[in-house]
């Protein structure tokens, strides 16, 4: 009993002889300090990030600074709108419903006109990623399946049970591709972002069920930005782990150190989007088992090519359910699964995880309502088109197409490594080849290639560009033309190394140098706004 009273004796001694106001002040200060410390520990952002954000927020309140920023952003916004106006010059702009509906022929003609607005020849392989095949046979089968099922909705399982069967078969075929057992399960989603959000939601709610009120996910710095989106939507905090500067794969020891009582999920990429390198999923699986935390493998980009690599004669590390620590996998059927845009799969090791993905409302006057993914009503046509694509292509053809894509990737990588003054980031694991330069501004090279008709992805921290090889690049002469144009671009950059980068690529260079990331965020929001901008009528000007 005397031992139990020791802490109270110390407290009494602390307050001995104090005035009442002093006792109240000390007590209140102690409570506030505890609350402050708790907020620091549980905050979604690091102290450094919050301090930097607050500093720039304060700086932007200074009238002269605010005015300059507003003027510059206004100029940028005007530029975005001018770009749209140039692109849509001569096009009919529709603001109201036509009094009488257009004919099918008129509609088809306008659709073709809209498709021709882009600056890149995607059908002939001039685009990085985005369009993963241009095979007319596959397109015809998928579109026919969609046309038959365009107005179906798997939410109404009693009305459209066949769509539910197709979805279940897509999931089971994907589970088997990634070596899952009979307990593995999943759902079809509208894309990789929704698959990732669903995984984060499932493991957040699993953490809630274990009494963790403020879950955190541990991710590599190269992980897809959809995880940040998931964190914003779901109220998760994110612990970002650096990657090795040479291999560009996540620092395994840093992942271990980052795991704490709040960790609800660790993530590895197979491969990552920026560099195409694959994290050490085997080591992450061991960590997941050791610390009893779920491991999500993001295979959205390359999963449906990596699954066929061994049969196609190309080596790839084990990254799927054969590793016991892997709790879930996301993979996009609308990428190397060759289905039309709008489908992906999220797969789980056991039904318990998938249950946490679901949302169920039991007290609604409209009845008990449950849905597996973000959407309530879902496009049955997309599910049918995905199913039709998978069963039409078949395993043998997937293997053959994977071999063609990977052979092209290795050719491009090998040829680029021979070009002086550029270097390849890490070792491409599947189909993404990222490169940079220590001699000239790589965005100058990207701008030159843009003028030659190539659309590449720009990277930052550090500066770089990448090309994601698709089946469109396997057509005769496409890869050779790309390599030739890169060589020309490098020669041009050597001769004009001192000249500044112009055009769209200049924005990428400036953006990564801005210390106030909120400015970059604001500029990006205005760019997104421009996608919804319609030029005014002549008489409105």
Protein backbone atom coordinates (compact mmCIF):
# COMPACT_ATOMS: atom_id res chain seq x y z
CA UNK A 1 0.00 0.00 0.00
CA UNK A 2 2.83 2.40 0.86
CA UNK A 3 4.43 1.72 -2.54
CA UNK A 4 1.17 2.61 -4.26
CA UNK A 5 1.10 5.94 -2.45
CA UNK A 6 4.61 6.95 -3.45
CA UNK A 7 3.57 8.75 -6.68
CA UNK A 8 0.90 10.69 -4.79
CA UNK A 9 3.46 11.74 -2.15
CA UNK A 10 5.68 13.10 -4.92
CA UNK A 11 2.76 15.03 -6.40
CA UNK A 12 1.75 16.40 -2.98
CA UNK A 13 5.33 17.48 -2.35
CA UNK A 14 5.42 19.24 -5.73
CA UNK A 15 2.36 21.32 -4.85
CA UNK A 16 3.28 21.83 -1.19
CA UNK A 17 3.18 25.50 -0.23
CA UNK A 18 1.80 26.60 -3.62
CA UNK A 19 -0.94 29.17 -4.04
CA UNK A 20 -4.22 27.89 -5.52
CA UNK A 21 -3.67 29.84 -8.77
CA UNK A 22 -0.25 28.24 -9.10
CA UNK A 23 -1.71 24.75 -8.66
CA UNK A 24 -4.37 25.44 -11.30
CA UNK A 25 -1.80 26.89 -13.69
CA UNK A 26 0.60 23.98 -13.26
CA UNK A 27 -2.19 21.43 -13.70
CA UNK A 28 -3.57 23.12 -16.82
CA UNK A 29 -0.08 23.46 -18.30
CA UNK A 30 0.62 19.78 -17.68
CA UNK A 31 -2.63 18.73 -19.35
CA UNK A 32 -1.95 20.97 -22.34
CA UNK A 33 1.59 19.59 -22.64
CA UNK A 34 0.25 16.03 -22.66
CA UNK A 35 -2.36 16.92 -25.29
CA UNK A 36 0.31 18.67 -27.40
CA UNK A 37 2.67 15.70 -27.14
CA UNK A 38 -0.17 13.34 -28.06
CA UNK A 39 -1.02 15.45 -31.11
CA UNK A 40 2.62 15.40 -32.22
CA UNK A 41 2.79 11.64 -31.90
CA UNK A 42 -0.49 11.02 -33.70
CA UNK A 43 -0.29 13.75 -36.35
CA UNK A 44 -0.70 12.70 -39.97
CA UNK A 45 2.26 14.85 -41.06
CA UNK A 46 5.77 15.13 -39.68
CA UNK A 47 6.75 18.12 -37.54
CA UNK A 48 9.08 19.31 -40.28
CA UNK A 49 6.32 19.20 -42.88
CA UNK A 50 3.88 21.06 -40.66
CA UNK A 51 6.39 23.73 -39.73
CA UNK A 52 7.29 24.29 -43.37
CA UNK A 53 3.62 24.48 -44.32
CA UNK A 54 2.89 26.97 -41.57
CA UNK A 55 5.88 29.10 -42.51
CA UNK A 56 4.78 29.41 -46.14
CA UNK A 57 1.18 29.96 -45.09
CA UNK A 58 2.37 32.89 -42.96
CA UNK A 59 4.62 34.16 -45.75
CA UNK A 60 1.73 34.21 -48.19
CA UNK A 61 -0.19 36.50 -45.86
CA UNK A 62 2.31 39.30 -46.44
CA UNK A 63 0.51 41.65 -48.88
CA UNK A 64 3.34 42.10 -51.38
CA UNK A 65 4.11 38.37 -51.43
CA UNK A 66 0.43 37.46 -51.75
CA UNK A 67 -0.03 39.92 -54.61
CA UNK A 68 2.97 38.61 -56.54
CA UNK A 69 1.83 35.01 -56.11
CA UNK A 70 -1.71 35.81 -57.19
CA UNK A 71 -0.46 37.63 -60.29
CA UNK A 72 1.80 34.74 -61.29
CA UNK A 73 -0.85 32.08 -60.71
CA UNK A 74 -3.36 34.18 -62.64
CA UNK A 75 -0.95 34.32 -65.59
CA UNK A 76 -0.46 30.55 -65.43
CA UNK A 77 -4.21 29.98 -65.28
CA UNK A 78 -4.72 32.21 -68.34
CA UNK A 79 -2.04 30.20 -70.13
CA UNK A 80 -3.82 26.94 -69.36
CA UNK A 81 -7.07 28.34 -70.79
CA UNK A 82 -5.31 29.66 -73.89
CA UNK A 83 -3.89 26.19 -74.52
CA UNK A 84 -7.40 24.74 -74.38
CA UNK A 85 -8.74 27.45 -76.70
CA UNK A 86 -6.04 26.68 -79.27
CA UNK A 87 -6.71 22.97 -79.03
CA UNK A 88 -10.46 23.40 -79.53
CA UNK A 89 -10.24 26.04 -82.25
CA UNK A 90 -12.81 25.34 -84.96
CA UNK A 91 -14.67 22.76 -82.87
CA UNK A 92 -18.37 22.98 -82.11
CA UNK A 93 -18.76 23.79 -78.41
CA UNK A 94 -22.00 22.42 -76.94
CA UNK A 95 -23.39 24.13 -73.85
CA UNK A 96 -27.05 23.15 -74.19
CA UNK A 97 -28.84 20.04 -75.35
CA UNK A 98 -29.57 20.18 -79.08
CA UNK A 99 -33.23 20.89 -79.79
CA UNK A 100 -33.32 17.76 -81.90
CA UNK A 101 -31.03 14.85 -81.27
CA UNK A 102 -28.17 14.18 -83.64
CA UNK A 103 -28.20 11.20 -85.96
CA UNK A 104 -25.95 8.24 -85.25
CA UNK A 105 -23.81 9.21 -88.23
CA UNK A 106 -23.39 12.77 -86.94
CA UNK A 107 -22.46 11.50 -83.50
CA UNK A 108 -19.88 9.06 -84.90
CA UNK A 109 -18.33 11.86 -86.94
CA UNK A 110 -18.09 14.16 -83.91
CA UNK A 111 -16.59 11.39 -81.79
CA UNK A 112 -13.91 10.84 -84.42
CA UNK A 113 -13.25 14.60 -84.46
CA UNK A 114 -12.81 14.58 -80.68
CA UNK A 115 -10.40 11.66 -80.86
CA UNK A 116 -8.24 13.56 -83.35
CA UNK A 117 -7.70 16.52 -80.98
CA UNK A 118 -4.72 14.96 -79.18
CA UNK A 119 -1.18 15.90 -80.12
CA UNK A 120 0.17 12.34 -80.03
CA UNK A 121 -0.23 9.40 -82.41
CA UNK A 122 -1.08 6.82 -79.76
CA UNK A 123 -2.17 4.21 -82.31
CA UNK A 124 1.37 4.07 -83.68
CA UNK A 125 3.10 3.70 -80.32
CA UNK A 126 4.16 7.29 -79.62
CA UNK A 127 2.85 7.29 -76.06
CA UNK A 128 4.37 5.97 -72.85
CA UNK A 129 1.86 3.59 -71.25
CA UNK A 130 -1.75 4.87 -71.50
CA UNK A 131 -2.71 2.55 -74.40
CA UNK A 132 -1.52 -0.99 -73.74
CA UNK A 133 -2.42 -2.62 -77.04
CA UNK A 134 -3.89 -1.67 -80.40
CA UNK A 135 -5.03 -5.13 -81.48
CA UNK A 136 -8.29 -4.81 -83.43
CA UNK A 137 -9.38 -8.38 -82.64
CA UNK A 138 -9.23 -7.80 -78.89
CA UNK A 139 -10.92 -4.41 -79.25
CA UNK A 140 -13.76 -5.89 -81.26
CA UNK A 141 -14.44 -8.67 -78.74
CA UNK A 142 -14.32 -6.35 -75.73
CA UNK A 143 -16.54 -3.70 -77.33
CA UNK A 144 -19.08 -6.30 -78.44
CA UNK A 145 -19.30 -7.64 -74.88
CA UNK A 146 -19.71 -4.10 -73.55
CA UNK A 147 -22.44 -3.29 -76.07
CA UNK A 148 -24.45 -6.33 -74.95
CA UNK A 149 -24.15 -5.43 -71.24
CA UNK A 150 -23.85 -1.63 -71.21
CA UNK A 151 -27.01 -1.13 -69.14
CA UNK A 152 -26.44 -3.88 -66.59
CA UNK A 153 -25.60 -3.28 -62.94
CA UNK A 154 -24.11 -5.95 -60.63
CA UNK A 155 -25.58 -4.09 -57.63
CA UNK A 156 -28.83 -5.83 -58.58
CA UNK A 157 -27.56 -9.36 -58.27
CA UNK A 158 -31.01 -10.87 -58.63
CA UNK A 159 -31.56 -9.05 -61.91
CA UNK A 160 -28.07 -9.57 -63.40
CA UNK A 161 -26.60 -12.69 -61.77
CA UNK A 162 -24.54 -13.39 -64.89
CA UNK A 163 -22.54 -10.18 -64.37
CA UNK A 164 -21.79 -11.28 -60.80
CA UNK A 165 -20.62 -14.63 -62.16
CA UNK A 166 -18.30 -12.86 -64.61
CA UNK A 167 -16.85 -10.72 -61.83
CA UNK A 168 -16.29 -13.79 -59.63
CA UNK A 169 -14.52 -15.53 -62.52
CA UNK A 170 -12.27 -12.51 -63.19
CA UNK A 171 -11.27 -12.54 -59.52
CA UNK A 172 -10.64 -16.29 -59.46
CA UNK A 173 -8.59 -16.22 -62.67
CA UNK A 174 -6.49 -13.39 -61.22
CA UNK A 175 -6.06 -15.19 -57.89
CA UNK A 176 -4.75 -18.24 -59.74
CA UNK A 177 -2.36 -16.10 -61.82
CA UNK A 178 -0.89 -14.76 -58.59
CA UNK A 179 -0.70 -18.22 -57.00
CA UNK A 180 -3.42 -17.74 -54.40
CA UNK A 181 -5.21 -20.64 -52.71
CA UNK A 182 -8.93 -21.33 -52.39
CA UNK A 183 -9.26 -18.87 -49.51
CA UNK A 184 -7.95 -15.96 -51.58
CA UNK A 185 -10.64 -13.61 -52.78
CA UNK A 186 -11.20 -10.09 -54.06
CA UNK A 187 -13.31 -7.77 -56.17
CA UNK A 188 -13.19 -5.96 -59.49
CA UNK A 189 -12.76 -2.18 -59.21
CA UNK A 190 -12.77 0.74 -61.64
CA UNK A 191 -8.96 1.01 -61.72
CA UNK A 192 -5.75 0.85 -59.77
CA UNK A 193 -6.59 3.87 -57.63
CA UNK A 194 -9.82 2.33 -56.38
CA UNK A 195 -8.05 -0.99 -55.78
CA UNK A 196 -5.49 0.80 -53.63
CA UNK A 197 -8.13 2.81 -51.77
CA UNK A 198 -10.03 -0.40 -51.06
CA UNK A 199 -6.92 -2.12 -49.67
CA UNK A 200 -6.20 0.86 -47.43
CA UNK A 201 -9.83 0.94 -46.29
CA UNK A 202 -9.82 -2.77 -45.51
CA UNK A 203 -6.67 -2.67 -43.40
CA UNK A 204 -7.63 0.62 -41.75
CA UNK A 205 -10.87 -0.99 -40.58
CA UNK A 206 -9.00 -4.12 -39.55
CA UNK A 207 -6.82 -1.85 -37.38
CA UNK A 208 -9.94 -0.21 -35.95
CA UNK A 209 -11.22 -3.65 -34.97
CA UNK A 210 -7.98 -4.16 -33.02
CA UNK A 211 -8.40 -0.90 -31.11
CA UNK A 212 -6.02 1.25 -33.18
CA UNK A 213 -7.80 4.59 -33.52
CA UNK A 214 -5.26 6.42 -35.68
CA UNK A 215 -3.76 3.93 -38.18
CA UNK A 216 -0.67 4.64 -40.26
CA UNK A 217 0.56 3.14 -43.53
CA UNK A 218 4.27 2.69 -44.26
CA UNK A 219 5.12 3.20 -47.92
CA UNK A 220 8.21 3.71 -50.13
CA UNK A 221 8.76 7.21 -51.53
CA UNK A 222 8.26 5.70 -55.00
CA UNK A 223 4.86 4.19 -54.22
CA UNK A 224 1.98 5.32 -56.41
CA UNK A 225 0.34 8.60 -55.41
CA UNK A 226 -2.96 6.74 -55.07
CA UNK A 227 -1.80 5.79 -51.57
CA UNK A 228 -1.62 9.47 -50.66
CA UNK A 229 -5.10 9.90 -52.13
CA UNK A 230 -6.32 6.97 -50.05
CA UNK A 231 -4.80 8.54 -46.95
CA UNK A 232 -6.56 11.84 -47.67
CA UNK A 233 -9.90 10.14 -48.20
CA UNK A 234 -9.63 7.72 -45.29
CA UNK A 235 -7.94 9.87 -42.64
CA UNK A 236 -4.78 7.76 -42.56
CA UNK A 237 -1.32 9.05 -41.78
CA UNK A 238 1.56 8.09 -44.05
CA UNK A 239 5.12 7.22 -43.09
CA UNK A 240 7.25 7.56 -46.22
CA UNK A 241 10.42 5.48 -46.48
CA UNK A 242 13.32 6.51 -48.74
CA UNK A 243 14.63 4.27 -51.50
CA UNK A 244 18.22 3.27 -52.14
CA UNK A 245 19.71 5.88 -54.51
CA UNK A 246 21.32 3.18 -56.66
CA UNK A 247 18.74 0.39 -56.80
CA UNK A 248 15.75 2.70 -56.30
CA UNK A 249 14.09 0.06 -54.15
CA UNK A 250 12.78 0.66 -50.65
CA UNK A 251 15.20 0.69 -47.72
CA UNK A 252 14.28 -2.49 -45.86
CA UNK A 253 15.91 -1.51 -42.57
CA UNK A 254 14.09 1.83 -42.62
CA UNK A 255 10.80 -0.02 -43.08
CA UNK A 256 11.54 -2.09 -39.98
CA UNK A 257 12.32 1.00 -37.92
CA UNK A 258 9.15 2.74 -39.09
CA UNK A 259 6.77 0.03 -37.87
CA UNK A 260 5.00 0.90 -34.64
CA UNK A 261 1.77 0.24 -32.78
CA UNK A 262 -0.15 2.43 -35.27
CA UNK A 263 1.03 0.60 -38.39
CA UNK A 264 -1.91 -0.96 -40.20
CA UNK A 265 -0.19 -1.69 -43.52
CA UNK A 266 3.20 -1.79 -45.21
CA UNK A 267 3.48 -1.53 -48.97
CA UNK A 268 5.84 -2.69 -51.69
CA UNK A 269 5.69 -1.98 -55.43
CA UNK A 270 6.03 -4.68 -58.09
CA UNK A 271 7.12 -2.58 -59.92
CA UNK A 272 6.89 1.12 -59.00
CA UNK A 273 5.61 3.69 -61.48
CA UNK A 274 8.50 6.21 -61.60
CA UNK A 275 11.46 3.91 -62.24
CA UNK A 276 9.98 0.49 -62.94
CA UNK A 277 12.11 -1.09 -60.22
CA UNK A 278 10.67 -3.74 -57.93
CA UNK A 279 10.92 -3.53 -54.16
CA UNK A 280 12.28 -6.57 -52.30
CA UNK A 281 8.88 -8.14 -51.71
CA UNK A 282 10.45 -11.27 -50.21
CA UNK A 283 12.16 -9.20 -47.49
CA UNK A 284 8.99 -7.18 -46.91
CA UNK A 285 7.06 -10.43 -46.53
CA UNK A 286 9.49 -11.54 -43.81
CA UNK A 287 9.01 -8.20 -42.03
CA UNK A 288 5.22 -8.52 -42.29
CA UNK A 289 5.36 -11.91 -40.60
CA UNK A 290 7.87 -10.82 -37.97
CA UNK A 291 5.91 -7.72 -36.93
CA UNK A 292 2.43 -9.15 -37.63
CA UNK A 293 1.44 -6.37 -40.03
CA UNK A 294 -0.27 -6.84 -43.42
CA UNK A 295 1.79 -6.37 -46.59
CA UNK A 296 0.13 -4.97 -49.69
CA UNK A 297 1.85 -5.54 -53.04
CA UNK A 298 0.99 -2.86 -55.58
CA UNK A 299 1.24 -4.64 -58.93
CA UNK A 300 -1.20 -2.30 -60.66
CA UNK A 301 1.24 -1.30 -63.37
CA UNK A 302 3.10 -4.50 -64.19
CA UNK A 303 1.21 -7.30 -62.49
CA UNK A 304 -0.44 -8.69 -65.59
CA UNK A 305 2.84 -8.86 -67.45
CA UNK A 306 4.95 -10.06 -64.50
CA UNK A 307 2.56 -12.98 -63.93
CA UNK A 308 3.46 -14.37 -67.37
CA UNK A 309 7.18 -13.58 -67.34
CA UNK A 310 8.45 -16.99 -66.16
CA UNK A 311 6.47 -18.84 -68.85
CA UNK A 312 7.72 -16.29 -71.40
CA UNK A 313 11.33 -17.04 -70.46
CA UNK A 314 11.99 -13.84 -68.50
CA UNK A 315 13.04 -13.86 -64.86
CA UNK A 316 11.17 -11.92 -62.20
CA UNK A 317 11.41 -12.14 -58.39
CA UNK A 318 8.54 -13.80 -56.55
CA UNK A 319 6.13 -11.08 -55.48
CA UNK A 320 2.72 -12.72 -55.05
CA UNK A 321 0.77 -14.97 -52.67
CA UNK A 322 3.55 -17.57 -52.69
CA UNK A 323 5.15 -15.28 -50.10
CA UNK A 324 3.31 -15.90 -46.80
CA UNK A 325 3.48 -12.27 -45.66
CA UNK A 326 1.60 -10.93 -48.68
CA UNK A 327 -1.90 -10.02 -47.49
CA UNK A 328 -3.21 -8.30 -50.62
CA UNK A 329 -2.34 -7.51 -54.24
CA UNK A 330 -3.66 -4.85 -56.61
CA UNK A 331 -3.30 -5.39 -60.36
CA UNK A 332 -4.85 -3.59 -63.31
CA UNK A 333 -6.67 -5.64 -65.90
CA UNK A 334 -6.97 -2.50 -68.04
CA UNK A 335 -3.20 -2.29 -68.44
CA UNK A 336 -1.38 -5.48 -69.43
CA UNK A 337 -4.60 -7.45 -69.00
CA UNK A 338 -5.58 -5.57 -72.20
CA UNK A 339 -9.17 -4.92 -71.06
CA UNK A 340 -10.82 -1.57 -71.82
CA UNK A 341 -10.16 1.27 -69.39
CA UNK A 342 -12.06 1.05 -66.14
CA UNK A 343 -11.19 -2.27 -64.49
CA UNK A 344 -8.68 -3.56 -61.94
CA UNK A 345 -8.65 -6.25 -59.27
CA UNK A 346 -7.94 -6.07 -55.57
CA UNK A 347 -7.10 -9.49 -54.13
CA UNK A 348 -6.86 -10.64 -50.50
CA UNK A 349 -5.34 -13.66 -48.82
CA UNK A 350 -8.49 -14.36 -46.81
CA UNK A 351 -12.16 -13.31 -46.71
CA UNK A 352 -11.75 -11.49 -43.38
CA UNK A 353 -9.76 -8.79 -45.14
CA UNK A 354 -12.32 -8.41 -47.92
CA UNK A 355 -15.09 -8.08 -45.32
CA UNK A 356 -13.35 -4.97 -43.99
CA UNK A 357 -13.40 -3.55 -47.53
CA UNK A 358 -17.19 -3.70 -47.67
CA UNK A 359 -19.49 -0.95 -46.47
CA UNK A 360 -22.84 -1.92 -44.94
CA UNK A 361 -25.64 0.36 -43.75
CA UNK A 362 -28.26 -1.39 -41.62
CA UNK A 363 -30.53 1.44 -40.40
CA UNK A 364 -31.46 3.14 -43.68
CA UNK A 365 -35.22 3.45 -44.40
CA UNK A 366 -34.47 2.20 -47.91
CA UNK A 367 -33.42 -1.16 -46.49
CA UNK A 368 -30.17 -2.86 -45.58
CA UNK A 369 -27.56 -1.60 -48.02
CA UNK A 370 -24.22 -3.21 -48.69
CA UNK A 371 -21.66 -2.65 -51.41
CA UNK A 372 -18.25 -4.19 -52.03
CA UNK A 373 -16.42 -1.17 -53.49
CA UNK A 374 -16.65 2.63 -53.59
CA UNK A 375 -19.46 2.70 -56.14
CA UNK A 376 -22.96 1.50 -55.46
CA UNK A 377 -24.17 1.09 -59.02
CA UNK A 378 -21.35 -0.30 -61.13
CA UNK A 379 -20.87 -0.64 -64.86
CA UNK A 380 -21.68 -4.24 -65.69
CA UNK A 381 -20.48 -3.54 -69.22
CA UNK A 382 -16.93 -2.95 -68.02
CA UNK A 383 -16.94 -6.20 -66.06
CA UNK A 384 -18.23 -8.08 -69.09
CA UNK A 385 -15.67 -6.44 -71.39
CA UNK A 386 -12.86 -7.36 -68.98
CA UNK A 387 -14.09 -10.93 -68.70
CA UNK A 388 -14.43 -11.21 -72.48
CA UNK A 389 -10.91 -9.87 -73.00
CA UNK A 390 -9.34 -12.31 -70.55
CA UNK A 391 -11.05 -15.40 -71.90
CA UNK A 392 -10.51 -14.31 -75.51
CA UNK A 393 -6.79 -13.64 -75.12
CA UNK A 394 -6.16 -16.78 -73.07
CA UNK A 395 -3.01 -17.83 -71.27
CA UNK A 396 -0.93 -18.80 -74.31
CA UNK A 397 -1.50 -15.48 -76.02
CA UNK A 398 -0.84 -13.52 -72.82
CA UNK A 399 2.50 -15.31 -72.54
CA UNK A 400 3.33 -14.60 -76.17
CA UNK A 401 2.38 -10.91 -75.91
CA UNK A 402 4.33 -10.59 -72.65
CA UNK A 403 7.41 -11.99 -74.38
CA UNK A 404 7.03 -9.51 -77.24
CA UNK A 405 6.68 -6.59 -74.81
CA UNK A 406 9.60 -7.65 -72.61
CA UNK A 407 11.87 -8.36 -75.57
CA UNK A 408 11.16 -4.85 -76.84
CA UNK A 409 11.78 -3.41 -73.37
CA UNK A 410 15.15 -5.11 -73.11
CA UNK A 411 16.12 -3.90 -76.58
CA UNK A 412 15.26 -0.28 -75.71
CA UNK A 413 17.03 -0.50 -72.35
CA UNK A 414 20.14 -2.02 -73.92
CA UNK A 415 20.30 0.62 -76.65
CA UNK A 416 19.74 3.53 -74.25
CA UNK A 417 22.57 2.30 -72.02
CA UNK A 418 24.88 2.75 -75.01
CA UNK A 419 23.99 6.43 -75.40
CA UNK A 420 26.54 8.76 -73.78
CA UNK A 421 25.41 11.46 -71.34
CA UNK A 422 22.24 9.70 -70.19
CA UNK A 423 21.85 6.95 -67.61
CA UNK A 424 19.18 4.42 -66.65
CA UNK A 425 17.66 4.65 -63.17
CA UNK A 426 18.13 1.31 -61.40
CA UNK A 427 17.27 -1.97 -63.10
CA UNK A 428 13.89 -2.14 -64.83
CA UNK A 429 11.97 -5.13 -63.48
CA UNK A 430 9.24 -5.30 -66.10
CA UNK A 431 8.40 -2.68 -68.73
CA UNK A 432 9.30 0.81 -67.45
CA UNK A 433 12.63 2.39 -68.43
CA UNK A 434 13.50 5.63 -66.63
CA UNK A 435 16.49 7.73 -67.62
CA UNK A 436 18.17 11.00 -66.71
CA UNK A 437 21.31 12.98 -67.37
CA UNK A 438 24.11 14.54 -65.33
CA UNK A 439 25.26 16.59 -68.32
CA UNK A 440 22.16 18.52 -69.42
CA UNK A 441 18.60 19.20 -68.29
CA UNK A 442 16.70 16.00 -69.05
CA UNK A 443 13.51 18.02 -69.55
CA UNK A 444 15.20 19.61 -72.57
CA UNK A 445 15.49 16.12 -74.04
CA UNK A 446 11.85 15.40 -73.18
CA UNK A 447 10.79 18.64 -74.90
CA UNK A 448 12.76 17.68 -78.03
CA UNK A 449 11.12 14.25 -78.07
CA UNK A 450 7.73 15.91 -77.55
CA UNK A 451 8.33 17.93 -80.72
CA UNK A 452 9.20 14.67 -82.47
CA UNK A 453 5.79 13.32 -81.42
CA UNK A 454 6.70 11.30 -78.30
CA UNK A 455 4.77 11.57 -75.03
CA UNK A 456 6.94 10.53 -72.06
CA UNK A 457 6.33 10.72 -68.32
CA UNK A 458 8.27 13.40 -66.43
CA UNK A 459 9.82 12.50 -63.05
CA UNK A 460 11.02 14.68 -60.19
CA UNK A 461 13.32 14.38 -57.16
CA UNK A 462 15.54 13.75 -59.12
CA UNK A 463 14.65 14.95 -62.61
CA UNK A 464 14.05 12.20 -65.13
CA UNK A 465 11.70 10.81 -67.75
CA UNK A 466 10.43 7.34 -68.41
CA UNK A 467 8.84 5.33 -71.15
CA UNK A 468 6.46 2.51 -70.31
CA UNK A 469 6.71 -0.08 -73.08
CA UNK A 470 3.38 -1.52 -74.21
CA UNK A 471 2.35 -3.91 -76.93
CA UNK A 472 1.87 -0.89 -79.21
CA UNK A 473 5.67 -0.45 -79.12
CA UNK A 474 6.25 -3.98 -80.43
CA UNK A 475 5.03 -3.05 -83.93
CA UNK A 476 7.83 -3.13 -86.52
CA UNK A 477 10.10 -0.10 -86.39
CA UNK A 478 8.57 1.66 -83.38
CA UNK A 479 11.27 0.80 -80.82
CA UNK A 480 14.03 1.50 -83.34
CA UNK A 481 12.47 4.89 -84.13
CA UNK A 482 12.32 5.77 -80.43
CA UNK A 483 15.98 4.89 -79.86
CA UNK A 484 17.00 6.86 -82.94
CA UNK A 485 15.04 9.90 -81.78
CA UNK A 486 16.60 9.69 -78.31
CA UNK A 487 20.07 9.69 -79.85
CA UNK A 488 19.15 12.76 -81.89
CA UNK A 489 17.70 14.44 -78.81
CA UNK A 490 20.87 13.80 -76.79
CA UNK A 491 23.03 15.26 -79.57
CA UNK A 492 20.77 18.31 -79.69
CA UNK A 493 20.96 18.74 -75.90
CA UNK A 494 24.75 18.55 -75.93
CA UNK A 495 24.89 21.38 -78.47
CA UNK A 496 22.31 23.54 -76.66
CA UNK A 497 23.03 22.64 -73.05
CA UNK A 498 23.08 26.28 -71.90
CA UNK A 499 19.68 27.15 -73.36
CA UNK A 500 16.69 27.13 -70.98
CA UNK A 501 13.93 24.58 -71.27
CA UNK A 502 10.76 25.94 -72.85
CA UNK A 503 7.13 24.88 -73.05
CA UNK A 504 5.35 22.37 -70.85
CA UNK A 505 8.55 20.69 -69.69
CA UNK A 506 9.81 23.96 -68.21
CA UNK A 507 6.94 23.80 -65.74
CA UNK A 508 8.16 20.42 -64.43
CA UNK A 509 11.62 21.80 -63.80
CA UNK A 510 10.34 24.88 -62.01
CA UNK A 511 7.75 22.98 -60.00
CA UNK A 512 10.21 20.65 -58.30
CA UNK A 513 12.41 23.59 -57.30
CA UNK A 514 9.60 25.44 -55.51
CA UNK A 515 10.05 24.98 -51.75
CA UNK A 516 6.43 25.98 -51.12
CA UNK A 517 4.65 22.83 -52.31
CA UNK A 518 1.26 24.49 -51.73
CA UNK A 519 2.04 26.67 -54.76
CA UNK A 520 2.60 23.55 -56.85
CA UNK A 521 -0.71 22.24 -55.52
CA UNK A 522 -2.51 25.44 -56.48
CA UNK A 523 -1.04 25.42 -60.00
CA UNK A 524 -2.05 21.77 -60.42
CA UNK A 525 -5.62 22.56 -59.37
CA UNK A 526 -5.84 25.26 -62.04
CA UNK A 527 -4.49 22.79 -64.60
CA UNK A 528 -7.23 20.33 -63.61
CA UNK A 529 -9.74 23.18 -63.89
CA UNK A 530 -8.58 23.72 -67.47
CA UNK A 531 -9.71 20.19 -68.35
CA UNK A 532 -13.27 21.39 -67.71
CA UNK A 533 -12.86 24.72 -69.46
CA UNK A 534 -14.85 25.57 -72.58
CA UNK A 535 -13.82 28.64 -74.57
CA UNK A 536 -16.50 31.37 -74.57
CA UNK A 537 -18.59 32.18 -77.62
CA UNK A 538 -17.28 34.98 -79.79
CA UNK A 539 -20.22 37.14 -78.72
CA UNK A 540 -19.48 36.43 -75.04
CA UNK A 541 -15.97 37.91 -75.25
